[in-house]
């Protein structure tokens, strides 16, 4: 009889141990599910070579990165020119400097890619700080583009192109070596392109360096970057500053961070955080 009781006690002990183990397992799983990994802030990413940021994040620590830093102020270099009321000509010193009829109707992007364009009207025109080149943009048709007009030689040539989109808002750096254009893509999001104004080239792809944020910082599905509010600083440091605004699929801005790209090296640098 005592032996039977002893066996029963052992069996009960085993059952209790199993039940306690199962209960502990479910408590552990429940706690694990409650731990939500925090994304790495964009502001904590490292930048190295061209396009050198890695990872992605949507929750920057504002006070940590902006408390002791002030964003550089914008400096406008060059001179905005007058566009005629019918938007068919650009005026310089009250004389026609560029006409719609002067523009090419085919844009040669590369050796293997060319696109027809319909030039309906000028949308912007800015004279370089050296007063030697007019940067302009044109709308009309399916594709948008930006060009240069050399004041001295009279040559007109495309330098920036956006397939099924818009090119706008050219801004010169302090010495007229670079111009930055804004582009609206079919997505639609805004990207920026740096154009080297030194020397004549054959294709627009040889002039421009497109700043596509996703190329250096892959983002989660449904999140897009919008590069906006670009400007050159009063420091004359040849850095193009701009906000990187991350948007969800409904085009709602999550947040915006101030970045810069050095025109000579195309190195991306995080500067500050702003909403």
C-alpha atoms as a PDB file:
ATOM      1  CA  UNK A   1       0.000   0.000   0.000  1.00  0.00           C
ATOM      2  CA  UNK A   2       2.772   2.394   0.951  1.00  0.00           C
ATOM      3  CA  UNK A   3       4.532   1.499  -2.266  1.00  0.00           C
ATOM      4  CA  UNK A   4       1.393   2.401  -4.257  1.00  0.00           C
ATOM      5  CA  UNK A   5       1.116   5.763  -2.482  1.00  0.00           C
ATOM      6  CA  UNK A   6       4.765   6.429  -3.238  1.00  0.00           C
ATOM      7  CA  UNK A   7       4.196   5.740  -6.958  1.00  0.00           C
ATOM      8  CA  UNK A   8       1.140   8.041  -6.970  1.00  0.00           C
ATOM      9  CA  UNK A   9       3.163  10.834  -5.366  1.00  0.00           C
ATOM     10  CA  UNK A  10       5.840  10.480  -8.056  1.00  0.00           C
ATOM     11  CA  UNK A  11       3.231  10.577 -10.851  1.00  0.00           C
ATOM     12  CA  UNK A  12       1.590  13.683  -9.338  1.00  0.00           C
ATOM     13  CA  UNK A  13       5.011  15.343  -9.043  1.00  0.00           C
ATOM     14  CA  UNK A  14       5.753  14.665 -12.703  1.00  0.00           C
ATOM     15  CA  UNK A  15       2.379  16.076 -13.818  1.00  0.00           C
ATOM     16  CA  UNK A  16       2.879  19.235 -11.720  1.00  0.00           C
ATOM     17  CA  UNK A  17       6.376  19.714 -13.188  1.00  0.00           C
ATOM     18  CA  UNK A  18       4.989  19.410 -16.721  1.00  0.00           C
ATOM     19  CA  UNK A  19       2.202  21.904 -16.024  1.00  0.00           C
ATOM     20  CA  UNK A  20       4.654  24.398 -14.513  1.00  0.00           C
ATOM     21  CA  UNK A  21       6.925  24.023 -17.538  1.00  0.00           C
ATOM     22  CA  UNK A  22       4.091  24.643 -19.993  1.00  0.00           C
ATOM     23  CA  UNK A  23       2.903  27.688 -18.035  1.00  0.00           C
ATOM     24  CA  UNK A  24       6.430  29.099 -17.945  1.00  0.00           C
ATOM     25  CA  UNK A  25       6.804  28.598 -21.709  1.00  0.00           C
ATOM     26  CA  UNK A  26       3.642  30.602 -22.452  1.00  0.00           C
ATOM     27  CA  UNK A  27       4.706  33.412 -20.087  1.00  0.00           C
ATOM     28  CA  UNK A  28       8.073  33.614 -21.902  1.00  0.00           C
ATOM     29  CA  UNK A  29       6.396  33.704 -25.338  1.00  0.00           C
ATOM     30  CA  UNK A  30       3.969  36.404 -24.201  1.00  0.00           C
ATOM     31  CA  UNK A  31       6.823  38.592 -22.927  1.00  0.00           C
ATOM     32  CA  UNK A  32       8.803  38.048 -26.142  1.00  0.00           C
ATOM     33  CA  UNK A  33       5.864  39.160 -28.258  1.00  0.00           C
ATOM     34  CA  UNK A  34       5.581  42.369 -26.233  1.00  0.00           C
ATOM     35  CA  UNK A  35       9.152  43.434 -27.092  1.00  0.00           C
ATOM     36  CA  UNK A  36       9.013  45.654 -30.197  1.00  0.00           C
ATOM     37  CA  UNK A  37      12.349  46.227 -31.961  1.00  0.00           C
ATOM     38  CA  UNK A  38      13.068  49.945 -32.312  1.00  0.00           C
ATOM     39  CA  UNK A  39      14.190  51.129 -35.752  1.00  0.00           C
ATOM     40  CA  UNK A  40      17.584  52.786 -36.047  1.00  0.00           C
ATOM     41  CA  UNK A  41      17.182  56.554 -36.472  1.00  0.00           C
ATOM     42  CA  UNK A  42      18.397  57.915 -39.799  1.00  0.00           C
ATOM     43  CA  UNK A  43      20.409  60.361 -37.755  1.00  0.00           C
ATOM     44  CA  UNK A  44      22.453  57.495 -36.280  1.00  0.00           C
ATOM     45  CA  UNK A  45      23.404  56.032 -39.639  1.00  0.00           C
ATOM     46  CA  UNK A  46      27.043  56.194 -40.662  1.00  0.00           C
ATOM     47  CA  UNK A  47      28.040  57.849 -43.910  1.00  0.00           C
ATOM     48  CA  UNK A  48      31.167  56.840 -45.707  1.00  0.00           C
ATOM     49  CA  UNK A  49      31.809  56.729 -49.422  1.00  0.00           C
ATOM     50  CA  UNK A  50      29.467  58.104 -52.084  1.00  0.00           C
ATOM     51  CA  UNK A  51      25.995  56.965 -51.143  1.00  0.00           C
ATOM     52  CA  UNK A  52      27.428  55.669 -47.882  1.00  0.00           C
ATOM     53  CA  UNK A  53      24.466  55.546 -45.483  1.00  0.00           C
ATOM     54  CA  UNK A  54      23.187  52.139 -44.433  1.00  0.00           C
ATOM     55  CA  UNK A  55      20.018  50.805 -42.798  1.00  0.00           C
ATOM     56  CA  UNK A  56      16.831  52.763 -42.271  1.00  0.00           C
ATOM     57  CA  UNK A  57      14.803  54.304 -39.501  1.00  0.00           C
ATOM     58  CA  UNK A  58      11.740  56.406 -38.834  1.00  0.00           C
ATOM     59  CA  UNK A  59      12.180  57.709 -35.301  1.00  0.00           C
ATOM     60  CA  UNK A  60      14.978  60.282 -34.964  1.00  0.00           C
ATOM     61  CA  UNK A  61      15.817  61.649 -31.511  1.00  0.00           C
ATOM     62  CA  UNK A  62      15.265  65.331 -32.186  1.00  0.00           C
ATOM     63  CA  UNK A  63      16.697  66.883 -29.022  1.00  0.00           C
ATOM     64  CA  UNK A  64      19.852  64.781 -29.203  1.00  0.00           C
ATOM     65  CA  UNK A  65      20.829  66.015 -32.642  1.00  0.00           C
ATOM     66  CA  UNK A  66      19.396  69.534 -32.850  1.00  0.00           C
ATOM     67  CA  UNK A  67      19.756  71.050 -29.417  1.00  0.00           C
ATOM     68  CA  UNK A  68      23.228  72.482 -30.009  1.00  0.00           C
ATOM     69  CA  UNK A  69      23.211  72.867 -33.799  1.00  0.00           C
ATOM     70  CA  UNK A  70      21.662  75.476 -36.028  1.00  0.00           C
ATOM     71  CA  UNK A  71      20.813  74.816 -39.638  1.00  0.00           C
ATOM     72  CA  UNK A  72      22.927  76.859 -42.069  1.00  0.00           C
ATOM     73  CA  UNK A  73      21.141  79.779 -43.668  1.00  0.00           C
ATOM     74  CA  UNK A  74      20.307  79.889 -47.353  1.00  0.00           C
ATOM     75  CA  UNK A  75      22.173  82.219 -49.659  1.00  0.00           C
ATOM     76  CA  UNK A  76      20.809  82.973 -53.110  1.00  0.00           C
ATOM     77  CA  UNK A  77      23.592  83.052 -55.673  1.00  0.00           C
ATOM     78  CA  UNK A  78      22.997  84.348 -59.176  1.00  0.00           C
ATOM     79  CA  UNK A  79      20.020  86.346 -60.397  1.00  0.00           C
ATOM     80  CA  UNK A  80      16.456  85.312 -61.190  1.00  0.00           C
ATOM     81  CA  UNK A  81      15.552  86.461 -64.683  1.00  0.00           C
ATOM     82  CA  UNK A  82      12.240  87.678 -66.025  1.00  0.00           C
ATOM     83  CA  UNK A  83      10.096  85.358 -68.106  1.00  0.00           C
ATOM     84  CA  UNK A  84       7.758  87.048 -70.582  1.00  0.00           C
ATOM     85  CA  UNK A  85       4.026  87.115 -69.884  1.00  0.00           C
ATOM     86  CA  UNK A  86       3.369  84.455 -72.529  1.00  0.00           C
ATOM     87  CA  UNK A  87       6.205  82.379 -71.021  1.00  0.00           C
ATOM     88  CA  UNK A  88       7.815  81.929 -74.418  1.00  0.00           C
ATOM     89  CA  UNK A  89      10.981  83.957 -73.804  1.00  0.00           C
ATOM     90  CA  UNK A  90      13.535  84.681 -71.088  1.00  0.00           C
ATOM     91  CA  UNK A  91      14.700  88.278 -70.754  1.00  0.00           C
ATOM     92  CA  UNK A  92      18.179  89.478 -69.799  1.00  0.00           C
ATOM     93  CA  UNK A  93      18.773  93.237 -69.553  1.00  0.00           C
ATOM     94  CA  UNK A  94      15.332  93.744 -71.134  1.00  0.00           C
ATOM     95  CA  UNK A  95      16.364  91.748 -74.206  1.00  0.00           C
ATOM     96  CA  UNK A  96      15.354  88.250 -75.289  1.00  0.00           C
ATOM     97  CA  UNK A  97      18.072  85.870 -74.110  1.00  0.00           C
ATOM     98  CA  UNK A  98      16.337  82.539 -74.752  1.00  0.00           C
ATOM     99  CA  UNK A  99      13.281  81.716 -76.823  1.00  0.00           C
ATOM    100  CA  UNK A 100      11.144  78.593 -76.961  1.00  0.00           C
ATOM    101  CA  UNK A 101      12.074  78.349 -80.631  1.00  0.00           C
ATOM    102  CA  UNK A 102      15.752  78.003 -79.616  1.00  0.00           C
ATOM    103  CA  UNK A 103      15.137  74.774 -77.727  1.00  0.00           C
ATOM    104  CA  UNK A 104      15.786  71.221 -78.967  1.00  0.00           C
ATOM    105  CA  UNK A 105      12.815  68.917 -79.407  1.00  0.00           C
ATOM    106  CA  UNK A 106      14.798  65.765 -78.638  1.00  0.00           C
ATOM    107  CA  UNK A 107      16.724  65.155 -75.426  1.00  0.00           C
ATOM    108  CA  UNK A 108      19.688  62.789 -75.683  1.00  0.00           C
ATOM    109  CA  UNK A 109      19.918  61.211 -72.234  1.00  0.00           C
ATOM    110  CA  UNK A 110      22.585  58.653 -73.121  1.00  0.00           C
ATOM    111  CA  UNK A 111      24.058  56.962 -76.182  1.00  0.00           C
ATOM    112  CA  UNK A 112      21.100  54.570 -76.266  1.00  0.00           C
ATOM    113  CA  UNK A 113      18.275  56.741 -74.906  1.00  0.00           C
ATOM    114  CA  UNK A 114      16.621  59.799 -76.400  1.00  0.00           C
ATOM    115  CA  UNK A 115      13.182  61.299 -75.837  1.00  0.00           C
ATOM    116  CA  UNK A 116      11.028  63.758 -77.701  1.00  0.00           C
ATOM    117  CA  UNK A 117       9.866  66.802 -75.742  1.00  0.00           C
ATOM    118  CA  UNK A 118       7.139  69.377 -76.298  1.00  0.00           C
ATOM    119  CA  UNK A 119       8.342  72.797 -75.206  1.00  0.00           C
ATOM    120  CA  UNK A 120       5.302  74.870 -74.244  1.00  0.00           C
ATOM    121  CA  UNK A 121       6.613  77.390 -71.721  1.00  0.00           C
ATOM    122  CA  UNK A 122       9.520  78.391 -69.508  1.00  0.00           C
ATOM    123  CA  UNK A 123       8.948  77.844 -65.798  1.00  0.00           C
ATOM    124  CA  UNK A 124      12.170  79.312 -64.337  1.00  0.00           C
ATOM    125  CA  UNK A 125      15.367  81.095 -65.337  1.00  0.00           C
ATOM    126  CA  UNK A 126      18.410  81.995 -63.220  1.00  0.00           C
ATOM    127  CA  UNK A 127      21.637  83.685 -64.327  1.00  0.00           C
ATOM    128  CA  UNK A 128      24.804  82.173 -62.842  1.00  0.00           C
ATOM    129  CA  UNK A 129      26.971  84.137 -60.366  1.00  0.00           C
ATOM    130  CA  UNK A 130      29.584  84.514 -63.130  1.00  0.00           C
ATOM    131  CA  UNK A 131      26.857  85.961 -65.382  1.00  0.00           C
ATOM    132  CA  UNK A 132      27.875  83.512 -68.098  1.00  0.00           C
ATOM    133  CA  UNK A 133      25.164  80.819 -68.055  1.00  0.00           C
ATOM    134  CA  UNK A 134      21.386  80.911 -67.783  1.00  0.00           C
ATOM    135  CA  UNK A 135      19.857  77.868 -66.093  1.00  0.00           C
ATOM    136  CA  UNK A 136      16.226  77.349 -67.135  1.00  0.00           C
ATOM    137  CA  UNK A 137      13.420  74.796 -66.976  1.00  0.00           C
ATOM    138  CA  UNK A 138      10.674  73.988 -69.468  1.00  0.00           C
ATOM    139  CA  UNK A 139       7.270  72.368 -69.139  1.00  0.00           C
ATOM    140  CA  UNK A 140       4.959  70.772 -71.646  1.00  0.00           C
ATOM    141  CA  UNK A 141       4.462  67.282 -73.009  1.00  0.00           C
ATOM    142  CA  UNK A 142       5.191  64.075 -71.151  1.00  0.00           C
ATOM    143  CA  UNK A 143       8.731  64.725 -69.937  1.00  0.00           C
ATOM    144  CA  UNK A 144      10.336  67.628 -68.102  1.00  0.00           C
ATOM    145  CA  UNK A 145      13.824  68.996 -68.550  1.00  0.00           C
ATOM    146  CA  UNK A 146      16.262  71.731 -67.604  1.00  0.00           C
ATOM    147  CA  UNK A 147      18.896  73.394 -69.717  1.00  0.00           C
ATOM    148  CA  UNK A 148      21.719  75.920 -69.950  1.00  0.00           C
ATOM    149  CA  UNK A 149      22.143  78.861 -72.288  1.00  0.00           C
ATOM    150  CA  UNK A 150      25.704  80.159 -72.599  1.00  0.00           C
ATOM    151  CA  UNK A 151      25.435  83.943 -72.669  1.00  0.00           C
ATOM    152  CA  UNK A 152      28.631  84.386 -74.680  1.00  0.00           C
ATOM    153  CA  UNK A 153      28.544  81.510 -77.183  1.00  0.00           C
ATOM    154  CA  UNK A 154      24.755  81.434 -77.539  1.00  0.00           C
ATOM    155  CA  UNK A 155      24.719  77.625 -77.167  1.00  0.00           C
ATOM    156  CA  UNK A 156      21.570  76.062 -75.662  1.00  0.00           C
ATOM    157  CA  UNK A 157      21.863  72.529 -74.297  1.00  0.00           C
ATOM    158  CA  UNK A 158      19.860  70.154 -72.030  1.00  0.00           C
ATOM    159  CA  UNK A 159      21.516  69.229 -68.723  1.00  0.00           C
ATOM    160  CA  UNK A 160      18.735  67.593 -66.662  1.00  0.00           C
ATOM    161  CA  UNK A 161      15.888  65.298 -67.691  1.00  0.00           C
ATOM    162  CA  UNK A 162      12.999  63.593 -65.908  1.00  0.00           C
ATOM    163  CA  UNK A 163      11.030  60.827 -67.620  1.00  0.00           C
ATOM    164  CA  UNK A 164       7.272  61.441 -67.237  1.00  0.00           C
ATOM    165  CA  UNK A 165       7.902  64.145 -64.669  1.00  0.00           C
ATOM    166  CA  UNK A 166       8.894  67.734 -63.981  1.00  0.00           C
ATOM    167  CA  UNK A 167      12.217  69.548 -63.650  1.00  0.00           C
ATOM    168  CA  UNK A 168      12.115  72.860 -61.767  1.00  0.00           C
ATOM    169  CA  UNK A 169      13.742  75.376 -59.423  1.00  0.00           C
ATOM    170  CA  UNK A 170      17.397  75.629 -60.518  1.00  0.00           C
ATOM    171  CA  UNK A 171      19.757  77.091 -57.894  1.00  0.00           C
ATOM    172  CA  UNK A 172      23.412  78.005 -58.424  1.00  0.00           C
ATOM    173  CA  UNK A 173      26.196  77.457 -55.912  1.00  0.00           C
ATOM    174  CA  UNK A 174      28.449  80.390 -54.985  1.00  0.00           C
ATOM    175  CA  UNK A 175      30.983  80.077 -57.824  1.00  0.00           C
ATOM    176  CA  UNK A 176      28.658  78.904 -60.587  1.00  0.00           C
ATOM    177  CA  UNK A 177      30.336  75.517 -60.843  1.00  0.00           C
ATOM    178  CA  UNK A 178      27.158  73.627 -59.964  1.00  0.00           C
ATOM    179  CA  UNK A 179      23.434  74.073 -60.375  1.00  0.00           C
ATOM    180  CA  UNK A 180      20.889  72.004 -58.476  1.00  0.00           C
ATOM    181  CA  UNK A 181      17.488  71.171 -59.987  1.00  0.00           C
ATOM    182  CA  UNK A 182      14.405  69.705 -58.348  1.00  0.00           C
ATOM    183  CA  UNK A 183      12.640  66.801 -60.059  1.00  0.00           C
ATOM    184  CA  UNK A 184       9.179  65.363 -59.587  1.00  0.00           C
ATOM    185  CA  UNK A 185       9.002  61.689 -60.561  1.00  0.00           C
ATOM    186  CA  UNK A 186       5.929  59.659 -61.616  1.00  0.00           C
ATOM    187  CA  UNK A 187       5.634  58.076 -58.097  1.00  0.00           C
ATOM    188  CA  UNK A 188       5.260  61.071 -57.332  1.00  0.00           C
ATOM    189  CA  UNK A 189       8.149  62.075 -55.103  1.00  0.00           C
ATOM    190  CA  UNK A 190      10.732  64.835 -55.284  1.00  0.00           C
ATOM    191  CA  UNK A 191      14.381  64.097 -55.972  1.00  0.00           C
ATOM    192  CA  UNK A 192      17.296  66.428 -56.599  1.00  0.00           C
ATOM    193  CA  UNK A 193      20.004  66.487 -59.212  1.00  0.00           C
ATOM    194  CA  UNK A 194      23.400  68.154 -59.153  1.00  0.00           C
ATOM    195  CA  UNK A 195      24.569  69.480 -62.510  1.00  0.00           C
ATOM    196  CA  UNK A 196      28.220  70.197 -63.215  1.00  0.00           C
ATOM    197  CA  UNK A 197      28.285  73.352 -65.310  1.00  0.00           C
ATOM    198  CA  UNK A 198      31.922  73.051 -66.345  1.00  0.00           C
ATOM    199  CA  UNK A 199      32.574  71.902 -69.897  1.00  0.00           C
ATOM    200  CA  UNK A 200      30.287  70.760 -72.680  1.00  0.00           C
ATOM    201  CA  UNK A 201      29.088  67.177 -72.676  1.00  0.00           C
ATOM    202  CA  UNK A 202      27.077  65.086 -75.091  1.00  0.00           C
ATOM    203  CA  UNK A 203      24.362  63.575 -72.888  1.00  0.00           C
ATOM    204  CA  UNK A 204      22.306  64.829 -69.949  1.00  0.00           C
ATOM    205  CA  UNK A 205      23.459  61.789 -67.938  1.00  0.00           C
ATOM    206  CA  UNK A 206      26.996  63.171 -68.167  1.00  0.00           C
ATOM    207  CA  UNK A 207      25.946  66.493 -66.635  1.00  0.00           C
ATOM    208  CA  UNK A 208      23.761  65.430 -63.753  1.00  0.00           C
ATOM    209  CA  UNK A 209      24.198  63.428 -60.576  1.00  0.00           C
ATOM    210  CA  UNK A 210      20.751  62.350 -59.388  1.00  0.00           C
ATOM    211  CA  UNK A 211      20.385  62.279 -55.599  1.00  0.00           C
ATOM    212  CA  UNK A 212      18.108  59.309 -54.985  1.00  0.00           C
ATOM    213  CA  UNK A 213      17.875  58.670 -51.233  1.00  0.00           C
ATOM    214  CA  UNK A 214      16.716  55.063 -51.613  1.00  0.00           C
ATOM    215  CA  UNK A 215      19.965  54.262 -53.413  1.00  0.00           C
ATOM    216  CA  UNK A 216      21.947  54.943 -50.242  1.00  0.00           C
ATOM    217  CA  UNK A 217      19.290  54.113 -47.649  1.00  0.00           C
ATOM    218  CA  UNK A 218      16.821  51.337 -48.565  1.00  0.00           C
ATOM    219  CA  UNK A 219      13.472  52.028 -46.923  1.00  0.00           C
ATOM    220  CA  UNK A 220      10.707  49.677 -45.706  1.00  0.00           C
ATOM    221  CA  UNK A 221       7.961  48.787 -48.140  1.00  0.00           C
ATOM    222  CA  UNK A 222       5.420  51.596 -48.494  1.00  0.00           C
ATOM    223  CA  UNK A 223       7.829  54.300 -47.315  1.00  0.00           C
ATOM    224  CA  UNK A 224       9.108  56.865 -49.829  1.00  0.00           C
ATOM    225  CA  UNK A 225      11.603  59.687 -49.489  1.00  0.00           C
ATOM    226  CA  UNK A 226      10.902  63.225 -50.621  1.00  0.00           C
ATOM    227  CA  UNK A 227      13.949  65.499 -51.079  1.00  0.00           C
ATOM    228  CA  UNK A 228      12.684  69.044 -50.784  1.00  0.00           C
ATOM    229  CA  UNK A 229      13.568  72.660 -49.914  1.00  0.00           C
ATOM    230  CA  UNK A 230      17.069  72.468 -51.377  1.00  0.00           C
ATOM    231  CA  UNK A 231      19.491  75.359 -50.981  1.00  0.00           C
ATOM    232  CA  UNK A 232      23.166  76.375 -50.933  1.00  0.00           C
ATOM    233  CA  UNK A 233      24.398  77.857 -47.661  1.00  0.00           C
ATOM    234  CA  UNK A 234      25.872  81.264 -46.981  1.00  0.00           C
ATOM    235  CA  UNK A 235      29.063  79.473 -45.914  1.00  0.00           C
ATOM    236  CA  UNK A 236      30.014  78.964 -49.580  1.00  0.00           C
ATOM    237  CA  UNK A 237      31.000  75.401 -48.722  1.00  0.00           C
ATOM    238  CA  UNK A 238      29.693  73.872 -51.988  1.00  0.00           C
ATOM    239  CA  UNK A 239      27.254  71.763 -49.966  1.00  0.00           C
ATOM    240  CA  UNK A 240      23.684  71.372 -51.128  1.00  0.00           C
ATOM    241  CA  UNK A 241      21.329  71.245 -48.129  1.00  0.00           C
ATOM    242  CA  UNK A 242      17.852  69.732 -48.253  1.00  0.00           C
ATOM    243  CA  UNK A 243      15.166  68.027 -46.185  1.00  0.00           C
ATOM    244  CA  UNK A 244      14.678  64.296 -46.512  1.00  0.00           C
ATOM    245  CA  UNK A 245      11.002  63.799 -45.684  1.00  0.00           C
ATOM    246  CA  UNK A 246       9.904  60.184 -45.276  1.00  0.00           C
ATOM    247  CA  UNK A 247       6.322  59.523 -46.342  1.00  0.00           C
ATOM    248  CA  UNK A 248       4.033  56.549 -45.961  1.00  0.00           C
ATOM    249  CA  UNK A 249       2.132  55.066 -48.897  1.00  0.00           C
ATOM    250  CA  UNK A 250      -0.688  57.582 -48.376  1.00  0.00           C
ATOM    251  CA  UNK A 251       1.851  60.394 -48.925  1.00  0.00           C
ATOM    252  CA  UNK A 252       1.688  61.514 -45.315  1.00  0.00           C
ATOM    253  CA  UNK A 253       4.992  62.867 -44.019  1.00  0.00           C
ATOM    254  CA  UNK A 254       6.419  60.907 -41.092  1.00  0.00           C
ATOM    255  CA  UNK A 255       9.259  63.334 -40.422  1.00  0.00           C
ATOM    256  CA  UNK A 256      11.902  65.369 -42.200  1.00  0.00           C
ATOM    257  CA  UNK A 257      15.627  65.503 -41.618  1.00  0.00           C
ATOM    258  CA  UNK A 258      18.142  68.008 -42.901  1.00  0.00           C
ATOM    259  CA  UNK A 259      20.942  66.434 -44.933  1.00  0.00           C
ATOM    260  CA  UNK A 260      23.665  67.784 -47.158  1.00  0.00           C
ATOM    261  CA  UNK A 261      25.633  66.551 -50.144  1.00  0.00           C
ATOM    262  CA  UNK A 262      29.060  67.911 -50.948  1.00  0.00           C
ATOM    263  CA  UNK A 263      28.936  68.752 -54.637  1.00  0.00           C
ATOM    264  CA  UNK A 264      32.540  67.763 -55.346  1.00  0.00           C
ATOM    265  CA  UNK A 265      32.436  64.340 -53.681  1.00  0.00           C
ATOM    266  CA  UNK A 266      28.699  63.550 -53.586  1.00  0.00           C
ATOM    267  CA  UNK A 267      29.157  62.430 -49.969  1.00  0.00           C
ATOM    268  CA  UNK A 268      25.917  62.425 -47.997  1.00  0.00           C
ATOM    269  CA  UNK A 269      25.944  63.871 -44.479  1.00  0.00           C
ATOM    270  CA  UNK A 270      23.233  64.019 -41.830  1.00  0.00           C
ATOM    271  CA  UNK A 271      23.097  67.500 -40.339  1.00  0.00           C
ATOM    272  CA  UNK A 272      20.078  68.029 -38.128  1.00  0.00           C
ATOM    273  CA  UNK A 273      16.454  66.978 -37.609  1.00  0.00           C
ATOM    274  CA  UNK A 274      13.383  69.095 -38.223  1.00  0.00           C
ATOM    275  CA  UNK A 275       9.642  68.606 -38.553  1.00  0.00           C
END
